[in-house]
Amino acid sequence: MDIELIKELSNLGGLFIGLLGAGYYIKWLSQQHRDERQQLLEHDRENDNALRALFEKTHTEYMNSQTRLNETLGAINITISELRNEIKFHADRGK
């Protein structure tokens, strides 16, 4: 009976070693995935910050160009009004 018990225990020893190995592998794999997710999140944060900075810069440049455009259109509007008045003056003078 003692020999059978020893045989059974020796058969179970390989199983336990396999289970311990599988458990360690699962733990190691989970840690690798956790590290990979952490790296991806860090890259996402960096990309988000770069995109935010780019948006702020382009928005400022866009607003500056809109301001210059409005100034130019205002100047064109004044010039057209003066030209219209000048044409009307010459037309009235020619009558």
C-alpha atoms as a PDB file:
ATOM      1  CA  MET A   1       0.000   0.000   0.000  1.00  0.00           C
ATOM      2  CA  ASP A   2       2.839   2.368   0.743  1.00  0.00           C
ATOM      3  CA  ILE A   3       4.294   1.755  -2.703  1.00  0.00           C
ATOM      4  CA  GLU A   4       0.996   2.568  -4.379  1.00  0.00           C
ATOM      5  CA  LEU A   5       0.707   5.775  -2.365  1.00  0.00           C
ATOM      6  CA  ILE A   6       4.219   6.797  -3.392  1.00  0.00           C
ATOM      7  CA  LYS A   7       3.410   6.046  -7.036  1.00  0.00           C
ATOM      8  CA  GLU A   8       0.242   8.135  -6.840  1.00  0.00           C
ATOM      9  CA  LEU A   9       2.091  11.010  -5.185  1.00  0.00           C
ATOM     10  CA  SER A  10       4.848  10.852  -7.792  1.00  0.00           C
ATOM     11  CA  ASN A  11       2.215  10.952 -10.546  1.00  0.00           C
ATOM     12  CA  LEU A  12       0.605  13.954  -8.890  1.00  0.00           C
ATOM     13  CA  GLY A  13       3.989  15.708  -8.512  1.00  0.00           C
ATOM     14  CA  GLY A  14       4.293  16.185 -12.274  1.00  0.00           C
ATOM     15  CA  LEU A  15       0.763  17.546 -12.368  1.00  0.00           C
ATOM     16  CA  PHE A  16       1.493  20.024  -9.584  1.00  0.00           C
ATOM     17  CA  ILE A  17       4.689  21.170 -11.264  1.00  0.00           C
ATOM     18  CA  GLY A  18       2.760  21.648 -14.522  1.00  0.00           C
ATOM     19  CA  LEU A  19       0.043  23.610 -12.703  1.00  0.00           C
ATOM     20  CA  LEU A  20       2.632  25.794 -10.963  1.00  0.00           C
ATOM     21  CA  GLY A  21       4.348  26.429 -14.291  1.00  0.00           C
ATOM     22  CA  ALA A  22       1.058  27.308 -15.956  1.00  0.00           C
ATOM     23  CA  GLY A  23       0.134  29.623 -13.078  1.00  0.00           C
ATOM     24  CA  TYR A  24       3.490  31.390 -13.300  1.00  0.00           C
ATOM     25  CA  TYR A  25       3.108  31.731 -17.077  1.00  0.00           C
ATOM     26  CA  ILE A  26      -0.356  33.248 -16.678  1.00  0.00           C
ATOM     27  CA  LYS A  27       0.963  35.698 -14.085  1.00  0.00           C
ATOM     28  CA  TRP A  28       3.923  36.636 -16.318  1.00  0.00           C
ATOM     29  CA  LEU A  29       1.692  37.042 -19.369  1.00  0.00           C
ATOM     30  CA  SER A  30      -0.739  39.237 -17.430  1.00  0.00           C
ATOM     31  CA  GLN A  31       2.138  41.448 -16.307  1.00  0.00           C
ATOM     32  CA  GLN A  32       3.370  41.741 -19.898  1.00  0.00           C
ATOM     33  CA  HIS A  33      -0.110  42.790 -21.047  1.00  0.00           C
ATOM     34  CA  ARG A  34      -0.370  45.292 -18.195  1.00  0.00           C
ATOM     35  CA  ASP A  35       2.988  46.818 -19.139  1.00  0.00           C
ATOM     36  CA  GLU A  36       1.987  46.960 -22.803  1.00  0.00           C
ATOM     37  CA  ARG A  37      -1.310  48.692 -21.958  1.00  0.00           C
ATOM     38  CA  GLN A  38       0.575  51.179 -19.774  1.00  0.00           C
ATOM     39  CA  GLN A  39       2.936  51.994 -22.644  1.00  0.00           C
ATOM     40  CA  LEU A  40       0.028  52.438 -25.048  1.00  0.00           C
ATOM     41  CA  LEU A  41      -1.742  54.747 -22.604  1.00  0.00           C
ATOM     42  CA  GLU A  42       1.429  56.801 -22.217  1.00  0.00           C
ATOM     43  CA  HIS A  43       1.781  57.111 -26.004  1.00  0.00           C
ATOM     44  CA  ASP A  44      -1.876  58.100 -26.241  1.00  0.00           C
ATOM     45  CA  ARG A  45      -1.355  60.813 -23.607  1.00  0.00           C
ATOM     46  CA  GLU A  46       1.659  62.154 -25.491  1.00  0.00           C
ATOM     47  CA  ASN A  47      -0.258  62.129 -28.779  1.00  0.00           C
ATOM     48  CA  ASP A  48      -3.252  63.823 -27.148  1.00  0.00           C
ATOM     49  CA  ASN A  49      -1.013  66.575 -25.756  1.00  0.00           C
ATOM     50  CA  ALA A  50       0.661  67.074 -29.145  1.00  0.00           C
ATOM     51  CA  LEU A  51      -2.716  67.215 -30.877  1.00  0.00           C
ATOM     52  CA  ARG A  52      -4.038  69.681 -28.293  1.00  0.00           C
ATOM     53  CA  ALA A  53      -0.989  71.940 -28.782  1.00  0.00           C
ATOM     54  CA  LEU A  54      -1.359  71.731 -32.562  1.00  0.00           C
ATOM     55  CA  PHE A  55      -5.046  72.605 -32.328  1.00  0.00           C
ATOM     56  CA  GLU A  56      -4.326  75.616 -30.121  1.00  0.00           C
ATOM     57  CA  LYS A  57      -1.622  76.836 -32.499  1.00  0.00           C
ATOM     58  CA  THR A  58      -3.719  76.406 -35.638  1.00  0.00           C
ATOM     59  CA  HIS A  59      -6.749  77.976 -33.955  1.00  0.00           C
ATOM     60  CA  THR A  60      -4.695  81.029 -32.998  1.00  0.00           C
ATOM     61  CA  GLU A  61      -3.282  81.304 -36.504  1.00  0.00           C
ATOM     62  CA  TYR A  62      -6.749  80.902 -37.993  1.00  0.00           C
ATOM     63  CA  MET A  63      -8.171  83.630 -35.763  1.00  0.00           C
ATOM     64  CA  ASN A  64      -5.268  85.945 -36.686  1.00  0.00           C
ATOM     65  CA  SER A  65      -5.873  85.328 -40.384  1.00  0.00           C
ATOM     66  CA  GLN A  66      -9.591  86.017 -39.902  1.00  0.00           C
ATOM     67  CA  THR A  67      -8.759  89.304 -38.192  1.00  0.00           C
ATOM     68  CA  ARG A  68      -6.428  90.316 -41.034  1.00  0.00           C
ATOM     69  CA  LEU A  69      -9.076  89.285 -43.574  1.00  0.00           C
ATOM     70  CA  ASN A  70     -11.708  91.404 -41.838  1.00  0.00           C
ATOM     71  CA  GLU A  71      -9.319  94.375 -41.784  1.00  0.00           C
ATOM     72  CA  THR A  72      -8.591  93.908 -45.491  1.00  0.00           C
ATOM     73  CA  LEU A  73     -12.280  93.586 -46.351  1.00  0.00           C
ATOM     74  CA  GLY A  74     -13.005  96.731 -44.328  1.00  0.00           C
ATOM     75  CA  ALA A  75     -10.335  98.619 -46.256  1.00  0.00           C
ATOM     76  CA  ILE A  76     -11.726  97.306 -49.565  1.00  0.00           C
ATOM     77  CA  ASN A  77     -15.222  98.352 -48.525  1.00  0.00           C
ATOM     78  CA  ILE A  78     -14.015 101.895 -47.758  1.00  0.00           C
ATOM     79  CA  THR A  79     -12.128 102.050 -51.057  1.00  0.00           C
ATOM     80  CA  ILE A  80     -15.195 100.887 -53.002  1.00  0.00           C
ATOM     81  CA  SER A  81     -17.358 103.475 -51.226  1.00  0.00           C
ATOM     82  CA  GLU A  82     -14.870 106.225 -52.064  1.00  0.00           C
ATOM     83  CA  LEU A  83     -14.673 105.028 -55.662  1.00  0.00           C
ATOM     84  CA  ARG A  84     -18.473 104.970 -55.902  1.00  0.00           C
ATOM     85  CA  ASN A  85     -18.674 108.508 -54.537  1.00  0.00           C
ATOM     86  CA  GLU A  86     -15.988 109.643 -56.963  1.00  0.00           C
ATOM     87  CA  ILE A  87     -17.819 108.059 -59.922  1.00  0.00           C
ATOM     88  CA  LYS A  88     -21.105 109.623 -58.789  1.00  0.00           C
ATOM     89  CA  PHE A  89     -19.394 113.008 -58.381  1.00  0.00           C
ATOM     90  CA  HIS A  90     -17.950 112.865 -61.908  1.00  0.00           C
ATOM     91  CA  ALA A  91     -21.267 111.627 -63.305  1.00  0.00           C
ATOM     92  CA  ASP A  92     -23.149 114.490 -61.609  1.00  0.00           C
ATOM     93  CA  ARG A  93     -20.542 117.010 -62.741  1.00  0.00           C
ATOM     94  CA  GLY A  94     -20.825 115.816 -66.311  1.00  0.00           C
ATOM     95  CA  LYS A  95     -24.578 116.480 -66.466  1.00  0.00           C
END
